[in-house]
C-alpha cells in the first residue's frame, strides 16, 4: 500500500459502501441476510461473533463456557503507520523492503 488514508479514500470512494453488496447477496440468496457492523459489535461480549451467537440462539449458560475474544489486528500507532507507508513508497527491492518492515515491526 503506497496511499495514505486520505489518498485511499479519494481513490476508492465506495470501498466502505457495503449496502450494494448486501442487497445483491439478498437478491441472489432469496433468504434472510443479517448484517452487523464491526463498529456496533466491537464492544459486545464476543465482538463480531455476538450477532452470530444471537442468531444461533446460544444460551447464556453456553456462552459462559466460551473464552472471550482477543482483540487482534488493531490499528497501529500513527507514527509506525507513517514509517511503513514511507517504506512502501521507497525504491527498495522486495527483499530489502521485507527486511526493513520486519525490523520496524520487531520481528
Protein backbone atom coordinates (compact mmCIF):
# COMPACT_ATOMS: atom_id res chain seq x y z
CA UNK A 1 0.00 0.00 0.00
CA UNK A 2 1.51 3.27 -1.09
CA UNK A 3 -1.52 5.51 -0.48
CA UNK A 4 -2.14 7.32 2.78
CA UNK A 5 -5.64 7.23 4.28
CA UNK A 6 -6.91 10.34 2.51
CA UNK A 7 -5.50 9.23 -0.86
CA UNK A 8 -7.04 5.79 -0.46
CA UNK A 9 -10.45 7.31 0.35
CA UNK A 10 -10.25 9.61 -2.66
CA UNK A 11 -9.24 6.76 -4.99
CA UNK A 12 -11.81 4.31 -3.59
CA UNK A 13 -14.87 6.31 -2.56
CA UNK A 14 -17.16 3.26 -2.44
CA UNK A 15 -14.74 0.98 -0.58
CA UNK A 16 -16.81 1.02 2.61
CA UNK A 17 -20.23 1.16 0.92
CA UNK A 18 -21.45 -2.33 1.71
CA UNK A 19 -25.14 -1.71 1.00
CA UNK A 20 -24.96 -2.68 -2.70
CA UNK A 21 -23.10 -5.90 -1.88
CA UNK A 22 -25.58 -6.77 0.86
CA UNK A 23 -28.56 -6.11 -1.42
CA UNK A 24 -27.05 -8.16 -4.25
CA UNK A 25 -26.44 -11.01 -1.81
CA UNK A 26 -30.04 -10.85 -0.58
CA UNK A 27 -31.33 -10.89 -4.16
CA UNK A 28 -29.30 -13.96 -5.11
CA UNK A 29 -29.87 -15.98 -1.95
CA UNK A 30 -33.60 -15.37 -1.66
CA UNK A 31 -33.07 -15.95 2.06
CA UNK A 32 -32.75 -13.66 5.05
CA UNK A 33 -29.36 -11.95 5.23
CA UNK A 34 -28.49 -10.42 8.58
CA UNK A 35 -25.78 -7.81 8.91
CA UNK A 36 -23.92 -6.12 11.75
CA UNK A 37 -21.19 -3.51 11.54
CA UNK A 38 -17.85 -4.06 13.22
CA UNK A 39 -18.25 -0.71 14.93
CA UNK A 40 -21.53 -1.82 16.51
CA UNK A 41 -20.23 -5.19 17.64
CA UNK A 42 -16.77 -4.17 18.89
CA UNK A 43 -17.95 -3.60 22.45
CA UNK A 44 -20.23 -6.65 22.67
CA UNK A 45 -19.10 -9.63 24.80
CA UNK A 46 -17.92 -11.72 21.84
CA UNK A 47 -17.22 -8.94 19.37
CA UNK A 48 -18.35 -9.66 15.81
CA UNK A 49 -19.33 -13.20 16.83
CA UNK A 50 -22.05 -11.92 19.18
CA UNK A 51 -24.70 -11.43 16.44
CA UNK A 52 -23.95 -14.93 15.15
CA UNK A 53 -24.38 -16.37 18.64
CA UNK A 54 -27.64 -14.42 18.90
CA UNK A 55 -28.89 -15.82 15.56
CA UNK A 56 -27.98 -19.32 16.69
CA UNK A 57 -29.79 -18.64 19.98
CA UNK A 58 -26.82 -19.82 22.03
CA UNK A 59 -27.98 -19.57 25.65
CA UNK A 60 -26.12 -17.56 28.29
CA UNK A 61 -25.07 -20.77 30.08
CA UNK A 62 -23.24 -21.98 26.95
CA UNK A 63 -21.75 -18.55 26.26
CA UNK A 64 -20.35 -18.53 29.79
CA UNK A 65 -18.20 -21.51 28.75
CA UNK A 66 -16.65 -19.62 25.84
CA UNK A 67 -13.40 -17.71 26.11
CA UNK A 68 -13.84 -14.03 25.28
CA UNK A 69 -12.13 -12.97 22.07
CA UNK A 70 -8.73 -11.30 21.99
CA UNK A 71 -8.51 -8.00 20.19
CA UNK A 72 -6.42 -8.65 17.11
CA UNK A 73 -5.41 -6.66 14.07
CA UNK A 74 -5.92 -3.36 15.86
CA UNK A 75 -4.83 -0.15 14.18
CA UNK A 76 -1.18 0.54 14.77
CA UNK A 77 0.40 3.71 16.13
CA UNK A 78 0.19 6.55 13.57
CA UNK A 79 3.98 7.05 13.61
CA UNK A 80 4.51 3.38 12.78
CA UNK A 81 1.90 3.55 10.01
CA UNK A 82 3.69 6.57 8.55
CA UNK A 83 7.04 4.75 8.67
CA UNK A 84 5.52 1.73 6.91
CA UNK A 85 3.98 4.00 4.28
CA UNK A 86 7.35 5.63 3.65
CA UNK A 87 8.94 2.19 3.25
CA UNK A 88 6.21 1.19 0.79
CA UNK A 89 6.86 4.33 -1.22
CA UNK A 90 10.61 3.74 -1.30
CA UNK A 91 12.52 2.24 -4.20
CA UNK A 92 13.84 -0.69 -2.14
CA UNK A 93 13.85 -4.09 -3.74
CA UNK A 94 11.37 -6.63 -2.39
CA UNK A 95 13.86 -8.44 -0.13
CA UNK A 96 15.23 -5.23 1.41
CA UNK A 97 11.71 -3.87 1.87
CA UNK A 98 10.59 -7.02 3.64
CA UNK A 99 13.64 -6.91 5.94
CA UNK A 100 13.11 -3.22 6.75
CA UNK A 101 9.45 -3.81 7.60
CA UNK A 102 10.32 -6.81 9.77
CA UNK A 103 12.88 -4.74 11.68
CA UNK A 104 10.42 -1.87 12.12
CA UNK A 105 7.77 -4.29 13.41
CA UNK A 106 10.22 -6.00 15.76
CA UNK A 107 10.04 -9.36 14.03
